[in-house]
Protein backbone atom coordinates (compact mmCIF):
# COMPACT_ATOMS: atom_id res chain seq x y z
CA GLN A 1 121.07 194.26 87.95
CA LEU A 2 121.43 190.79 89.44
CA GLN A 3 124.32 188.35 89.08
CA LEU A 4 123.87 184.74 90.16
CA VAL A 5 126.67 182.25 90.80
CA GLU A 6 125.96 178.59 91.53
CA SER A 7 128.25 176.24 93.41
CA GLY A 8 128.15 172.86 95.12
CA GLY A 9 127.67 170.57 92.16
CA GLY A 10 129.68 167.42 91.70
CA LEU A 11 129.62 163.64 91.49
CA VAL A 12 127.55 161.67 93.97
CA GLN A 13 126.28 158.10 94.19
CA ALA A 14 122.60 157.25 94.02
CA TRP A 15 120.80 157.77 97.32
CA GLY A 16 123.40 160.33 98.32
CA SER A 17 122.96 164.04 99.01
CA LEU A 18 124.25 167.37 97.78
CA ILE A 19 123.50 170.98 98.59
CA LEU A 20 123.65 173.62 95.90
CA THR A 21 124.29 177.26 96.67
CA CYS A 22 123.38 180.31 94.61
CA ALA A 23 125.03 183.57 95.60
CA ALA A 24 123.48 186.79 94.33
CA SER A 25 125.16 190.18 94.11
CA ALA A 26 122.50 192.89 94.16
CA LEU A 27 120.89 195.08 96.78
CA SER A 28 117.49 194.11 95.37
CA PHE A 29 117.95 190.39 96.05
CA THR A 30 115.23 190.38 98.70
CA TYR A 31 112.64 191.47 96.10
CA TYR A 32 113.16 188.42 93.88
CA ALA A 33 111.54 185.06 94.07
CA MET A 34 114.32 182.52 93.55
CA GLY A 35 114.24 179.21 91.77
CA TRP A 36 116.22 176.23 90.57
CA PHE A 37 115.93 174.69 87.13
CA ARG A 38 117.82 171.85 85.48
CA GLN A 39 118.61 170.74 81.96
CA VAL A 40 120.03 167.65 80.28
CA PRO A 41 121.06 167.25 76.63
CA GLY A 42 118.10 166.81 74.32
CA LYS A 43 115.55 168.04 76.83
CA GLU A 44 114.00 171.37 77.73
CA ARG A 45 115.10 173.19 80.82
CA GLU A 46 112.70 172.13 83.56
CA PHE A 47 111.49 173.69 86.76
CA VAL A 48 112.78 172.10 89.96
CA ALA A 49 111.86 174.35 92.89
CA SER A 50 111.15 177.96 93.81
CA ILE A 51 110.68 180.17 96.83
CA SER A 52 108.78 183.45 97.09
CA TRP A 53 110.56 186.75 97.71
CA SER A 54 109.20 186.71 101.25
CA GLY A 55 110.39 183.14 101.79
CA GLY A 56 106.93 182.15 102.96
CA LYS A 57 106.01 179.90 100.03
CA THR A 58 107.87 177.10 98.29
CA TYR A 59 107.03 175.07 95.20
CA TYR A 60 108.45 171.84 93.82
CA ALA A 61 108.27 169.76 90.71
CA ASP A 62 106.55 166.44 91.32
CA SER A 63 109.74 164.60 90.40
CA VAL A 64 111.66 166.07 93.35
CA LYS A 65 108.91 166.64 95.90
CA GLY A 66 109.83 165.10 99.22
CA ARG A 67 113.51 164.80 98.28
CA PHE A 68 114.63 168.39 97.59
CA THR A 69 114.28 171.46 99.78
CA ILE A 70 114.74 175.07 98.69
CA SER A 71 115.56 177.80 101.19
CA ARG A 72 116.97 181.33 101.23
CA ASP A 73 118.97 183.58 103.50
CA ASN A 74 118.31 187.18 102.51
CA ALA A 75 120.94 188.48 104.92
CA LYS A 76 123.54 186.57 102.88
CA ASN A 77 121.92 187.08 99.46
CA THR A 78 121.92 183.32 99.06
CA VAL A 79 119.51 180.57 98.04
CA TYR A 80 120.07 176.85 98.61
CA LEU A 81 118.84 173.59 97.20
CA GLN A 82 119.23 170.63 99.53
CA MET A 83 119.04 167.45 97.46
CA ASN A 84 118.52 164.11 99.19
CA SER A 85 117.94 160.58 97.93
CA LEU A 86 119.48 161.48 94.60
CA LYS A 87 118.73 159.37 91.55
CA PRO A 88 120.60 159.01 88.25
CA GLU A 89 117.64 160.81 86.66
CA ASP A 90 118.63 163.90 88.66
CA THR A 91 121.83 164.22 86.64
CA ALA A 92 121.74 167.61 84.92
CA VAL A 93 123.14 171.09 84.87
CA TYR A 94 121.36 173.02 87.60
CA TYR A 95 120.64 176.71 87.12
CA CYS A 96 119.74 179.36 89.63
CA ALA A 97 117.04 181.80 88.53
CA ALA A 98 115.46 185.03 89.79
CA ASP A 99 111.92 186.40 89.35
CA TYR A 100 111.45 190.07 90.26
CA TYR A 101 108.74 190.46 92.93
CA GLY A 102 107.71 186.91 92.21
CA LEU A 103 105.54 184.83 94.48
CA GLY A 104 107.28 181.68 93.30
CA HIS A 105 104.36 180.41 91.23
CA PRO A 106 104.17 180.85 88.34
CA PHE A 107 107.89 181.50 87.97
CA ARG A 108 108.92 184.18 85.46
CA THR A 109 112.68 184.16 85.08
CA ASN A 110 114.42 187.51 84.74
CA TYR A 111 117.98 186.36 85.41
CA TRP A 112 119.90 183.10 85.11
CA GLY A 113 123.09 181.84 86.66
CA HIS A 114 125.63 179.95 84.54
CA GLY A 115 124.85 176.54 85.99
CA THR A 116 126.57 173.84 88.00
CA GLN A 117 126.87 170.18 87.00
CA VAL A 118 125.32 167.48 89.17
CA THR A 119 126.11 163.89 88.24
CA VAL A 120 124.50 160.96 90.06
CA SER A 121 126.05 157.56 89.46
CA SER A 122 124.05 154.34 89.61
């Protein structure tokens, strides 16, 4: 019912910035809370940020609060993750996720994208 495709990952130096984009292909996109998760080898996939279906509420993991910003454009079926002041610890595969009629917290993932690699060099 919902396909998610991430883009924008790549290699960046510490203290640099990247913006990730998640494009969704479904008429029901506006009814999903959207989120970003990340995962590195040997660790569990962790929550990064989310935004309610209305766009009125956002939530962030403590590790990225103040550095990352999540936003959405329902007219374009797109969600973004602006990442500033990147650290080597931010290196991971970043996944876009969707939560049907979600408020953003707690986040209950119904659909996952395939991920995009972000590598931060020291």
